Amino acid sequence: MRQRSKRIALTATVLGLLLLPLGAGPATAAPTDCWTNDGVWLPYVTAHCSGGTGWYQAWAACKENFWPYDDEFVESDWKVAGSQETAWVWCPAGYRVLNYGVGLKS
């Protein structure tokens, strides 16, 4: 019985050591202090994040103004949080902004 307990303890230790690299890495924080804005009369969206770390982008769900009323999803390039850069994205010609927001990644 004592031998079995030792094997169980050894197996648990080995498994723990193998799984150790899968644990949490260094802490990361998402972008903070973000805002978005649409162009009201023009089909564009802007996004800006002034704090945190990581990246952000503007995105828009666009709808064609005339038949066949197609949908289009557009995204800006990624900007570094805190870089003081504004992300811009435009809907294609003949489309309007239906919904918009800011995409975040750490």
Protein backbone atom coordinates (compact mmCIF):
# COMPACT_ATOMS: atom_id res chain seq x y z
CA MET A 1 0.00 0.00 0.00
CA ARG A 2 2.89 2.33 0.81
CA GLN A 3 4.41 1.70 -2.64
CA ARG A 4 1.11 2.69 -4.32
CA SER A 5 0.98 5.98 -2.37
CA LYS A 6 4.53 6.78 -3.48
CA ARG A 7 3.62 6.09 -7.14
CA ILE A 8 0.54 8.32 -6.91
CA ALA A 9 2.58 11.12 -5.32
CA LEU A 10 5.32 10.78 -7.95
CA THR A 11 2.77 10.77 -10.81
CA ALA A 12 1.06 13.88 -9.41
CA THR A 13 4.41 15.66 -9.10
CA VAL A 14 5.45 14.80 -12.66
CA LEU A 15 2.08 15.88 -14.07
CA GLY A 16 2.27 19.13 -12.11
CA LEU A 17 5.72 19.87 -13.49
CA LEU A 18 4.59 19.10 -17.05
CA LEU A 19 1.58 21.40 -16.77
CA LEU A 20 3.51 24.25 -15.15
CA PRO A 21 4.42 25.96 -18.47
CA LEU A 22 0.71 26.12 -19.33
CA GLY A 23 -0.03 28.40 -16.39
CA ALA A 24 -0.70 32.10 -16.54
CA GLY A 25 1.91 34.18 -18.32
CA PRO A 26 2.80 37.79 -17.61
CA ALA A 27 -0.11 40.09 -16.88
CA THR A 28 -1.52 42.05 -19.81
CA ALA A 29 -4.07 44.82 -19.83
CA ALA A 30 -6.51 45.71 -22.56
CA PRO A 31 -6.72 49.24 -23.96
CA THR A 32 -8.60 51.69 -21.73
CA ASP A 33 -10.28 55.10 -22.06
CA CYS A 34 -11.70 54.21 -25.48
CA TRP A 35 -14.30 56.08 -27.50
CA THR A 36 -15.90 55.71 -30.92
CA ASN A 37 -17.67 58.15 -33.17
CA ASP A 38 -19.50 57.93 -36.48
CA GLY A 39 -19.57 60.52 -39.22
CA VAL A 40 -23.32 61.26 -38.83
CA TRP A 41 -23.83 62.26 -42.50
CA LEU A 42 -20.74 60.51 -43.85
CA PRO A 43 -20.22 56.72 -43.72
CA TYR A 44 -17.13 56.54 -41.52
CA VAL A 45 -16.23 55.55 -37.95
CA THR A 46 -13.33 56.56 -35.73
CA ALA A 47 -11.96 54.94 -32.57
CA HIS A 48 -9.36 56.05 -30.05
CA CYS A 49 -7.93 54.47 -26.86
CA SER A 50 -5.71 56.71 -24.76
CA GLY A 51 -4.60 54.24 -22.08
CA GLY A 52 -3.75 50.65 -21.25
CA THR A 53 -1.70 48.31 -23.40
CA GLY A 54 -2.46 46.27 -26.47
CA TRP A 55 -4.16 47.37 -29.67
CA TYR A 56 -7.48 48.78 -30.87
CA GLN A 57 -9.31 49.26 -34.15
CA ALA A 58 -12.53 50.81 -35.46
CA TRP A 59 -15.15 48.57 -37.07
CA ALA A 60 -18.45 49.20 -38.82
CA ALA A 61 -21.38 47.15 -40.05
CA CYS A 62 -22.50 48.84 -43.26
CA LYS A 63 -25.70 48.52 -45.34
CA GLU A 64 -26.07 49.37 -49.01
CA ASN A 65 -28.50 52.26 -49.61
CA PHE A 66 -30.12 50.69 -52.70
CA TRP A 67 -31.18 47.29 -53.94
CA PRO A 68 -29.86 44.61 -53.37
CA TYR A 69 -29.20 46.18 -49.91
CA ASP A 70 -26.05 44.17 -49.29
CA ASP A 71 -24.24 44.15 -45.95
CA GLU A 72 -20.53 44.83 -45.53
CA PHE A 73 -18.33 44.56 -42.42
CA VAL A 74 -15.22 46.74 -42.44
CA GLU A 75 -12.33 47.10 -39.99
CA SER A 76 -9.48 49.59 -39.70
CA ASP A 77 -5.86 48.68 -39.14
CA TRP A 78 -4.74 48.06 -35.54
CA LYS A 79 -3.36 50.98 -33.52
CA VAL A 80 -1.22 50.76 -30.37
CA ALA A 81 -3.07 51.80 -27.20
CA GLY A 82 -1.84 55.11 -25.85
CA SER A 83 -0.25 56.07 -29.19
CA GLN A 84 -2.55 59.10 -29.61
CA GLU A 85 -3.53 57.74 -33.05
CA THR A 86 -7.13 57.61 -34.23
CA ALA A 87 -8.31 54.54 -36.12
CA TRP A 88 -10.51 55.35 -39.15
CA VAL A 89 -12.71 53.09 -41.24
CA TRP A 90 -15.03 53.97 -44.15
CA CYS A 91 -18.01 52.06 -45.49
CA PRO A 92 -17.88 51.43 -49.26
CA ALA A 93 -19.43 54.05 -51.57
CA GLY A 94 -23.22 53.83 -51.54
CA TYR A 95 -23.35 52.31 -48.04
CA ARG A 96 -24.32 53.74 -44.65
CA VAL A 97 -23.18 52.84 -41.11
CA LEU A 98 -25.68 50.62 -39.28
CA ASN A 99 -23.60 49.76 -36.23
CA TYR A 100 -20.06 50.48 -35.10
CA GLY A 101 -17.59 50.01 -32.28
CA VAL A 102 -14.01 49.55 -31.19
CA GLY A 103 -12.19 46.21 -31.38
CA LEU A 104 -9.68 45.46 -28.61
CA LYS A 105 -6.86 42.97 -28.18
CA SER A 106 -4.25 42.64 -25.46
